[in-house]
C-alpha cells in the first residue's frame, strides 16, 4: 500500500525547501526594479532588468533540458543553489558598501534566470523518482499551491524589507537558497534512475531533436502544447490589459494592487481544491473545462474594464488552472521516460510560454490603438482556439499509460498507473 504523500520524506524536504526559495525569489523580484529606480530613477533601466532575465530564460530553456537529462540532477540543483546564493549575497554586500551598479544588477538577473531554469527543470524532472506515479497529480497540485502561496506573500514582504534596508531582500533570498540547498542534501533517494540516465551519445542538436520528436509524435503531449500556448498568452495578456486600462482610467495604484491580489488568491484557492477536481474529472474534462470557462469568463472581463471587477472573472479562470496544470503535467511526468524528462519539459515550457512572453507588447499596442476591452476580446478569441482543440481533437482523450523505468536498487518505490473518473489511464 502506498503511503500518503504527506509522509513522503523526500517530497516534503523538496517542497519545504522550495517554498522558502520561491518566497525569497518573489521578494527579490520586487526588490530588483525598486533598487534600479533608486539608483537611476529610470523606468527604462528598471525594465531592462526584467527583459534581460526573460531573454536569458528563453535562450537557455532547451540547453537546460539536455543538461538535466545528461548530468546528475542532484548536483545540478546543488550547483544552481550555490551560484545563486553567492550571487545574491554578493549583491547584498555591494549594496551595503555602496558599490552596486546597473550592470551588476542586470548580471544578477541573468544568472538568476539561468540557474532558476536549470533548478526548476531538474526539480520537475526529479519528482517521478521520489513520488509514486499514482501520486504525481497530487504532488503537482501541492507545488501549485506552494507557488501561488509564495506569490501572494512575497510582494508585501519584499516591499517591507526593502523599506527597512535595500540590501535585506537580497540577503533574505541568499538565505532562502541556503535552506533549499540543505533540503536537497538531506534527500536520500536518487533524483533520477540509473537506467534512465542519458549517456550523452550524439550532439546537442540530436538530443534536442529526440525531445522534440517525443512531444510532437505523442498525441497527448502535442495537444497539451497546442492548448496551453494560446491559453497562457490570453491569461498574461488579459492581466496586463486590466492593469494598463485601470491605470489609464486613473485608478489608484493601491486599488490596482487589490486586483492583483484577487487573481493571486484565486490561484491559491484553486491549488487547495485541485485534488477534488482531479478525483471527479478526467484529464480531458479538465482541459475542456478550463478552456471553455476561460472563453466565457474572459469575455465577461472585457465588459468590466472600467473597474477592478474585471479581475474577478480572471481570478475564476486562474482558480481552475492549478487542477488542470497538476493533472496534465502529472501525467506528462508519468508517460515520459526518465532519460527524456528534462528535454520534454524544456520543449513544452518553451512553446507554452513563448507566446505569453509576447503578450504584454502585443496587448500594449492593442490597448493604445483600440481599447482595453478590445484587447481582452482578442485574447478571448485566442482561448477559443484552445477550447476547439480540447473539444474536437483526440489528443486529450488518447491518454497513454504511464511508462515504467527500470529503477534497479536505487528506486524501491512501486510504479503504478492512475485513472481519471471515466476510467482512462
Protein backbone atom coordinates (compact mmCIF):
# COMPACT_ATOMS: atom_id res chain seq x y z
CA UNK A 1 0.00 0.00 0.00
CA UNK A 2 1.37 3.41 -0.99
CA UNK A 3 1.97 5.77 1.94
CA UNK A 4 0.19 9.17 1.89
CA UNK A 5 2.12 11.95 0.22
CA UNK A 6 2.39 13.91 3.46
CA UNK A 7 4.50 11.05 4.83
CA UNK A 8 6.89 11.10 1.86
CA UNK A 9 10.08 12.41 3.48
CA UNK A 10 11.88 13.25 0.23
CA UNK A 11 8.95 15.13 -1.28
CA UNK A 12 8.38 17.11 1.90
CA UNK A 13 12.04 18.10 2.09
CA UNK A 14 11.98 19.26 -1.52
CA UNK A 15 8.65 21.04 -1.11
CA UNK A 16 9.64 22.88 2.05
CA UNK A 17 12.99 23.98 0.69
CA UNK A 18 11.40 25.28 -2.47
CA UNK A 19 8.62 27.07 -0.60
CA UNK A 20 11.30 29.11 1.19
CA UNK A 21 13.31 29.54 -2.02
CA UNK A 22 10.29 30.73 -4.01
CA UNK A 23 9.39 33.16 -1.24
CA UNK A 24 12.91 34.57 -1.46
CA UNK A 25 12.65 34.73 -5.26
CA UNK A 26 9.43 36.72 -5.02
CA UNK A 27 10.96 39.13 -2.53
CA UNK A 28 13.98 39.70 -4.79
CA UNK A 29 11.81 40.01 -7.89
CA UNK A 30 10.10 43.01 -6.35
CA UNK A 31 13.33 44.47 -4.95
CA UNK A 32 15.36 44.43 -8.18
CA UNK A 33 13.38 47.07 -10.13
CA UNK A 34 12.98 49.12 -6.93
CA UNK A 35 16.74 49.10 -6.49
CA UNK A 36 17.30 50.17 -10.10
CA UNK A 37 14.80 53.02 -9.70
CA UNK A 38 16.54 54.10 -6.50
CA UNK A 39 19.90 54.10 -8.31
CA UNK A 40 18.93 55.60 -11.67
CA UNK A 41 15.38 56.93 -11.41
CA UNK A 42 14.78 55.44 -14.86
CA UNK A 43 11.76 53.17 -15.57
CA UNK A 44 13.51 52.11 -18.78
CA UNK A 45 16.52 50.89 -16.82
CA UNK A 46 14.20 49.03 -14.44
CA UNK A 47 12.51 47.37 -17.41
CA UNK A 48 15.89 46.39 -18.81
CA UNK A 49 16.46 44.09 -15.84
CA UNK A 50 13.24 42.16 -16.45
CA UNK A 51 13.85 41.99 -20.18
CA UNK A 52 17.39 40.67 -19.73
CA UNK A 53 16.12 37.96 -17.38
CA UNK A 54 13.32 37.00 -19.77
CA UNK A 55 15.64 36.72 -22.77
CA UNK A 56 18.15 34.66 -20.78
CA UNK A 57 15.40 32.33 -19.60
CA UNK A 58 14.14 31.85 -23.14
CA UNK A 59 17.59 31.21 -24.66
CA UNK A 60 18.66 28.70 -22.03
CA UNK A 61 15.44 26.69 -21.97
CA UNK A 62 16.43 23.97 -24.47
CA UNK A 63 20.08 23.65 -23.35
CA UNK A 64 18.86 23.25 -19.77
CA UNK A 65 16.73 20.29 -20.82
CA UNK A 66 19.78 18.49 -22.22
CA UNK A 67 21.81 19.22 -19.08
CA UNK A 68 19.08 17.89 -16.79
CA UNK A 69 19.00 14.61 -18.74
CA UNK A 70 22.78 14.19 -19.02
CA UNK A 71 24.14 15.16 -15.60
CA UNK A 72 23.35 14.16 -12.04
CA UNK A 73 20.19 16.12 -11.20
CA UNK A 74 21.02 16.45 -7.52
CA UNK A 75 24.39 18.01 -8.37
CA UNK A 76 22.79 20.33 -10.91
CA UNK A 77 20.35 21.58 -8.27
CA UNK A 78 23.10 21.99 -5.67
CA UNK A 79 25.34 23.93 -8.07
CA UNK A 80 22.41 26.12 -9.09
CA UNK A 81 21.63 26.96 -5.47
CA UNK A 82 25.28 27.64 -4.64
CA UNK A 83 25.68 30.03 -7.57
CA UNK A 84 22.52 31.96 -6.72
CA UNK A 85 23.39 32.04 -3.02
CA UNK A 86 26.78 33.58 -3.82
CA UNK A 87 25.34 35.99 -6.38
CA UNK A 88 22.64 37.42 -4.12
CA UNK A 89 24.92 37.55 -1.09
CA UNK A 90 27.50 39.38 -3.22
CA UNK A 91 24.98 41.95 -4.45
CA UNK A 92 23.73 42.44 -0.89
CA UNK A 93 27.31 43.16 0.18
CA UNK A 94 27.75 45.54 -2.78
CA UNK A 95 24.65 47.45 -1.68
CA UNK A 96 25.99 47.73 1.86
CA UNK A 97 29.32 49.04 0.53
CA UNK A 98 27.55 51.39 -1.91
CA UNK A 99 29.26 49.65 -4.84
CA UNK A 100 26.23 48.30 -6.66
CA UNK A 101 25.70 49.39 -10.28
CA UNK A 102 23.14 48.73 -13.03
CA UNK A 103 25.40 46.23 -14.88
CA UNK A 104 25.79 44.26 -11.64
CA UNK A 105 22.02 44.09 -11.18
CA UNK A 106 21.48 43.04 -14.81
CA UNK A 107 24.14 40.34 -14.43
CA UNK A 108 22.42 39.14 -11.26
CA UNK A 109 19.07 38.92 -13.05
CA UNK A 110 20.60 36.89 -15.90
CA UNK A 111 22.43 34.49 -13.57
CA UNK A 112 19.28 34.05 -11.50
CA UNK A 113 17.18 33.34 -14.62
CA UNK A 114 19.60 30.70 -15.98
CA UNK A 115 20.12 28.94 -12.65
CA UNK A 116 16.41 29.14 -11.89
CA UNK A 117 15.55 27.47 -15.20
CA UNK A 118 18.09 24.72 -14.51
CA UNK A 119 16.86 24.11 -10.98
CA UNK A 120 13.16 24.26 -11.88
CA UNK A 121 13.51 21.80 -14.75
CA UNK A 122 15.60 19.43 -12.62
CA UNK A 123 13.12 19.62 -9.75
CA UNK A 124 10.17 18.91 -12.01
CA UNK A 125 12.01 16.02 -13.68
CA UNK A 126 13.06 14.58 -10.31
CA UNK A 127 9.52 14.28 -8.95
CA UNK A 128 8.98 10.99 -10.75
CA UNK A 129 11.91 9.50 -8.84
CA UNK A 130 10.64 10.41 -5.36
CA UNK A 131 6.85 10.30 -5.82
CA UNK A 132 4.89 7.21 -6.92
CA UNK A 133 3.25 7.70 -10.32
CA UNK A 134 -0.21 7.39 -8.76
CA UNK A 135 0.53 10.45 -6.60
CA UNK A 136 2.14 12.68 -9.23
CA UNK A 137 -1.00 14.77 -9.90
CA UNK A 138 -1.40 15.39 -6.16
CA UNK A 139 2.29 16.33 -5.86
CA UNK A 140 1.90 18.76 -8.76
CA UNK A 141 -1.17 20.27 -7.09
CA UNK A 142 0.79 20.85 -3.89
CA UNK A 143 3.56 22.50 -5.90
CA UNK A 144 0.92 24.74 -7.49
CA UNK A 145 -0.33 25.70 -4.02
CA UNK A 146 3.24 26.47 -3.00
CA UNK A 147 3.81 28.74 -5.98
CA UNK A 148 0.54 30.65 -5.59
CA UNK A 149 1.01 30.99 -1.84
CA UNK A 150 4.51 32.43 -2.14
CA UNK A 151 3.44 34.76 -4.97
CA UNK A 152 0.76 36.14 -2.67
CA UNK A 153 3.05 36.58 0.34
CA UNK A 154 6.28 37.73 -1.32
CA UNK A 155 5.38 41.23 -2.66
CA UNK A 156 4.33 42.76 0.68
CA UNK A 157 7.27 41.09 2.43
CA UNK A 158 9.65 42.32 -0.25
CA UNK A 159 8.33 45.86 0.00
CA UNK A 160 8.64 45.81 3.78
CA UNK A 161 12.21 44.51 3.75
CA UNK A 162 13.27 47.00 1.05
CA UNK A 163 11.82 49.85 3.09
CA UNK A 164 13.93 48.78 6.08
CA UNK A 165 17.17 48.46 4.12
CA UNK A 166 17.84 47.97 0.42
CA UNK A 167 20.15 45.00 0.98
CA UNK A 168 17.70 42.95 3.08
CA UNK A 169 15.64 41.39 0.24
CA UNK A 170 18.86 40.22 -1.45
CA UNK A 171 20.32 38.81 1.75
CA UNK A 172 16.98 37.15 2.50
CA UNK A 173 16.96 35.48 -0.91
CA UNK A 174 20.52 34.22 -0.35
CA UNK A 175 19.38 32.66 2.92
CA UNK A 176 16.41 31.04 1.14
CA UNK A 177 18.82 29.34 -1.26
CA UNK A 178 20.75 28.02 1.72
CA UNK A 179 17.50 26.47 3.01
CA UNK A 180 16.87 24.94 -0.41
CA UNK A 181 20.43 23.58 -0.53
CA UNK A 182 20.05 21.92 2.88
CA UNK A 183 16.80 20.31 1.78
CA UNK A 184 18.42 18.83 -1.34
CA UNK A 185 21.37 17.50 0.66
CA UNK A 186 19.03 15.76 3.12
CA UNK A 187 17.17 13.87 0.38
CA UNK A 188 18.34 10.26 0.44
CA UNK A 189 16.84 8.82 -2.74
CA UNK A 190 18.48 9.41 -6.14
CA UNK A 191 16.68 12.05 -8.19
CA UNK A 192 16.88 10.04 -11.42
CA UNK A 193 17.03 6.37 -12.32
CA UNK A 194 20.35 4.81 -13.31
CA UNK A 195 18.73 3.08 -16.25
CA UNK A 196 17.23 6.37 -17.41
CA UNK A 197 20.42 8.42 -17.32
CA UNK A 198 21.21 9.85 -20.75
CA UNK A 199 24.78 8.90 -21.57
CA UNK A 200 25.33 11.77 -23.95
CA UNK A 201 25.63 9.96 -27.25
CA UNK A 202 25.22 12.36 -30.16
CA UNK A 203 25.44 16.11 -30.12
CA UNK A 204 23.23 18.80 -28.70
CA UNK A 205 21.04 19.01 -31.81
CA UNK A 206 20.41 15.27 -31.76
CA UNK A 207 19.48 15.39 -28.08
CA UNK A 208 17.06 18.26 -28.59
CA UNK A 209 15.65 16.55 -31.67
CA UNK A 210 14.80 13.47 -29.62
CA UNK A 211 12.89 15.59 -27.11
CA UNK A 212 11.05 17.43 -29.86
CA UNK A 213 10.09 14.21 -31.59
CA UNK A 214 8.76 12.72 -28.38
CA UNK A 215 6.47 15.73 -27.80
CA UNK A 216 5.34 16.15 -31.40
CA UNK A 217 4.64 12.45 -32.03
CA UNK A 218 2.77 11.93 -28.77
CA UNK A 219 -0.88 12.96 -29.33
CA UNK A 220 -1.43 13.81 -25.66
CA UNK A 221 1.67 15.99 -25.24
CA UNK A 222 1.11 17.62 -28.61
CA UNK A 223 -2.43 18.55 -27.57
CA UNK A 224 -1.23 19.97 -24.24
CA UNK A 225 1.24 22.25 -26.02
CA UNK A 226 -1.30 23.42 -28.62
CA UNK A 227 -3.86 24.14 -25.91
CA UNK A 228 -1.56 25.79 -23.38
CA UNK A 229 0.19 28.27 -25.69
CA UNK A 230 -2.95 30.33 -26.59
CA UNK A 231 -4.28 29.98 -23.05
CA UNK A 232 -1.06 31.29 -21.47
CA UNK A 233 -0.97 34.13 -23.99
CA UNK A 234 -4.52 35.09 -23.11
CA UNK A 235 -4.09 34.98 -19.34
CA UNK A 236 -0.90 37.04 -19.46
CA UNK A 237 -2.41 39.47 -21.95
CA UNK A 238 -5.65 39.98 -20.04
CA UNK A 239 -3.77 40.55 -16.78
CA UNK A 240 -1.63 43.20 -18.46
CA UNK A 241 -4.62 44.78 -20.20
CA UNK A 242 -6.55 45.12 -16.94
CA UNK A 243 -3.61 46.79 -15.17
CA UNK A 244 -2.92 49.22 -18.04
CA UNK A 245 -6.59 50.07 -18.54
CA UNK A 246 -7.17 50.72 -14.85
CA UNK A 247 -4.09 52.92 -14.75
CA UNK A 248 -5.25 54.90 -17.81
CA UNK A 249 -8.64 55.39 -16.15
CA UNK A 250 -6.95 57.00 -13.14
CA UNK A 251 -7.42 54.09 -10.73
CA UNK A 252 -5.26 54.40 -7.62
CA UNK A 253 -2.23 52.07 -7.52
CA UNK A 254 -3.47 50.56 -4.24
CA UNK A 255 -6.74 49.59 -5.93
CA UNK A 256 -4.87 48.08 -8.88
CA UNK A 257 -2.90 46.09 -6.34
CA UNK A 258 -6.18 44.71 -4.98
CA UNK A 259 -6.96 43.41 -8.47
CA UNK A 260 -3.66 41.54 -8.50
CA UNK A 261 -4.38 40.14 -5.05
CA UNK A 262 -7.76 38.83 -6.23
CA UNK A 263 -6.11 36.94 -9.08
CA UNK A 264 -3.37 35.52 -6.85
CA UNK A 265 -5.94 34.46 -4.24
CA UNK A 266 -7.94 32.69 -6.94
CA UNK A 267 -4.87 30.67 -7.89
CA UNK A 268 -4.08 29.76 -4.28
CA UNK A 269 -7.64 28.65 -3.55
CA UNK A 270 -7.70 26.67 -6.78
CA UNK A 271 -4.50 24.88 -5.80
CA UNK A 272 -6.01 23.92 -2.45
CA UNK A 273 -9.10 22.34 -4.03
CA UNK A 274 -7.28 20.92 -7.07
CA UNK A 275 -7.31 17.33 -5.73
CA UNK A 276 -11.14 17.47 -5.62
CA UNK A 277 -11.29 18.35 -9.33
CA UNK A 278 -8.75 15.66 -10.12
CA UNK A 279 -10.79 12.98 -8.38
CA UNK A 280 -14.04 13.92 -10.08
CA UNK A 281 -12.95 14.85 -13.60
CA UNK A 282 -10.84 13.13 -16.21
CA UNK A 283 -7.85 14.76 -17.90
CA UNK A 284 -9.89 15.52 -21.00
CA UNK A 285 -12.75 17.00 -18.98
CA UNK A 286 -10.39 19.24 -17.00
CA UNK A 287 -8.75 20.51 -20.18
CA UNK A 288 -12.07 21.29 -21.82
CA UNK A 289 -13.45 22.88 -18.66
CA UNK A 290 -10.68 25.45 -18.26
CA UNK A 291 -10.68 26.33 -21.97
CA UNK A 292 -14.41 26.95 -22.27
CA UNK A 293 -14.59 28.62 -18.85
CA UNK A 294 -11.75 30.95 -19.90
CA UNK A 295 -13.51 31.76 -23.16
CA UNK A 296 -16.68 32.74 -21.29
CA UNK A 297 -15.14 34.46 -18.28
CA UNK A 298 -12.51 36.48 -20.13
CA UNK A 299 -15.30 37.70 -22.41
CA UNK A 300 -17.04 38.98 -19.27
CA UNK A 301 -13.82 40.75 -18.22
CA UNK A 302 -13.91 42.67 -21.49
CA UNK A 303 -17.22 44.21 -20.36
CA UNK A 304 -15.89 45.29 -16.96
CA UNK A 305 -12.62 47.05 -17.76
CA UNK A 306 -13.68 50.32 -16.10
CA UNK A 307 -13.25 48.84 -12.60
CA UNK A 308 -11.36 46.17 -10.67
CA UNK A 309 -14.41 43.96 -11.20
CA UNK A 310 -12.64 42.93 -14.43
CA UNK A 311 -10.22 40.94 -12.27
CA UNK A 312 -12.97 38.75 -10.79
CA UNK A 313 -13.63 36.65 -13.93
CA UNK A 314 -9.87 36.37 -14.46
CA UNK A 315 -9.48 35.13 -10.88
CA UNK A 316 -12.11 32.46 -11.55
CA UNK A 317 -10.15 31.24 -14.58
CA UNK A 318 -6.94 31.18 -12.56
CA UNK A 319 -8.87 29.24 -9.88
CA UNK A 320 -9.27 26.37 -12.36
CA UNK A 321 -5.64 26.49 -13.51
CA UNK A 322 -3.89 24.52 -10.74
CA UNK A 323 -6.14 21.46 -11.10
CA UNK A 324 -5.63 21.39 -14.86
CA UNK A 325 -1.87 22.02 -14.67
CA UNK A 326 -1.37 19.41 -11.96
CA UNK A 327 -3.32 16.74 -13.82
CA UNK A 328 -1.78 17.36 -17.24
CA UNK A 329 1.83 17.77 -16.10
CA UNK A 330 1.46 14.99 -13.57
CA UNK A 331 0.57 12.67 -16.43
CA UNK A 332 3.35 14.12 -18.56
CA UNK A 333 5.80 13.05 -15.85
CA UNK A 334 4.23 9.59 -15.78
CA UNK A 335 4.34 8.91 -19.52
CA UNK A 336 7.80 10.37 -20.24
CA UNK A 337 10.84 8.08 -19.80
CA UNK A 338 13.15 9.38 -17.08
CA UNK A 339 16.02 9.94 -19.52
CA UNK A 340 13.84 12.37 -21.53
CA UNK A 341 12.17 14.27 -18.68
CA UNK A 342 14.38 17.37 -18.92
CA UNK A 343 14.15 17.75 -22.68
CA UNK A 344 10.42 17.11 -22.87
CA UNK A 345 9.77 19.64 -20.11
CA UNK A 346 12.00 22.21 -21.80
CA UNK A 347 10.25 21.82 -25.14
CA UNK A 348 6.82 22.11 -23.53
CA UNK A 349 7.76 25.10 -21.37
CA UNK A 350 9.40 26.87 -24.30
CA UNK A 351 6.43 26.51 -26.63
CA UNK A 352 3.83 27.16 -23.92
CA UNK A 353 5.49 30.27 -22.52
CA UNK A 354 6.96 31.91 -25.61
CA UNK A 355 3.57 33.22 -26.72
CA UNK A 356 2.95 34.54 -23.21
CA UNK A 357 6.23 36.47 -23.36
CA UNK A 358 4.91 38.39 -26.37
CA UNK A 359 1.58 39.17 -24.75
CA UNK A 360 2.48 42.42 -22.90
CA UNK A 361 3.92 44.03 -26.05
CA UNK A 362 1.07 42.99 -28.33
CA UNK A 363 -1.63 43.80 -25.80
CA UNK A 364 0.00 47.16 -25.07
CA UNK A 365 -0.24 48.04 -28.76
CA UNK A 366 -3.89 46.95 -28.86
CA UNK A 367 -4.80 48.94 -25.75
CA UNK A 368 -3.10 52.05 -27.18
CA UNK A 369 -4.66 51.66 -30.64
CA UNK A 370 -8.12 50.45 -29.64
CA UNK A 371 -9.13 49.91 -26.01
CA UNK A 372 -8.65 47.58 -23.10
CA UNK A 373 -11.93 45.86 -23.86
CA UNK A 374 -10.88 45.21 -27.46
CA UNK A 375 -7.53 43.81 -26.35
CA UNK A 376 -9.23 41.43 -23.91
CA UNK A 377 -11.68 40.40 -26.63
CA UNK A 378 -8.76 39.43 -28.91
CA UNK A 379 -7.20 37.43 -26.08
CA UNK A 380 -10.54 35.71 -25.54
CA UNK A 381 -10.56 34.71 -29.18
CA UNK A 382 -7.18 33.02 -28.84
CA UNK A 383 -8.55 30.95 -25.96
CA UNK A 384 -11.30 29.81 -28.30
CA UNK A 385 -8.59 28.06 -30.33
CA UNK A 386 -7.59 26.10 -27.22
CA UNK A 387 -11.21 25.23 -26.49
CA UNK A 388 -11.80 23.90 -30.00
CA UNK A 389 -8.65 21.77 -29.93
CA UNK A 390 -9.53 20.42 -26.48
CA UNK A 391 -13.08 19.57 -27.58
CA UNK A 392 -12.70 18.23 -31.10
CA UNK A 393 -9.09 16.98 -31.04
CA UNK A 394 -8.35 13.47 -29.91
CA UNK A 395 -5.14 14.26 -28.01
CA UNK A 396 -6.58 14.73 -24.53
CA UNK A 397 -8.85 11.71 -24.90
CA UNK A 398 -6.00 9.48 -26.09
CA UNK A 399 -4.19 9.32 -22.77
CA UNK A 400 -1.19 6.95 -22.88
CA UNK A 401 -0.38 4.69 -19.96
CA UNK A 402 2.48 5.59 -17.60
CA UNK A 403 5.96 4.37 -18.55
CA UNK A 404 7.82 2.12 -16.15
CA UNK A 405 11.55 2.80 -15.90
CA UNK A 406 13.95 0.14 -14.67
CA UNK A 407 14.99 1.50 -11.30
CA UNK A 408 17.48 -1.10 -10.11
CA UNK A 409 18.45 -0.89 -6.46
CA UNK A 410 18.28 2.89 -6.28
CA UNK A 411 14.48 3.03 -6.67
CA UNK A 412 12.43 0.81 -4.45
CA UNK A 413 9.07 2.55 -4.70
CA UNK A 414 6.44 0.88 -6.93
CA UNK A 415 5.34 2.41 -10.21
CA UNK A 416 1.56 2.28 -10.53
CA UNK A 417 -0.81 3.75 -13.05
CA UNK A 418 -3.62 6.14 -12.07
CA UNK A 419 -7.02 6.70 -13.59
CA UNK A 420 -9.47 9.51 -14.01
CA UNK A 421 -13.11 9.15 -13.13
CA UNK A 422 -14.02 7.96 -16.60
CA UNK A 423 -11.58 5.08 -16.34
CA UNK A 424 -8.97 6.47 -18.70
CA UNK A 425 -5.39 5.57 -17.66
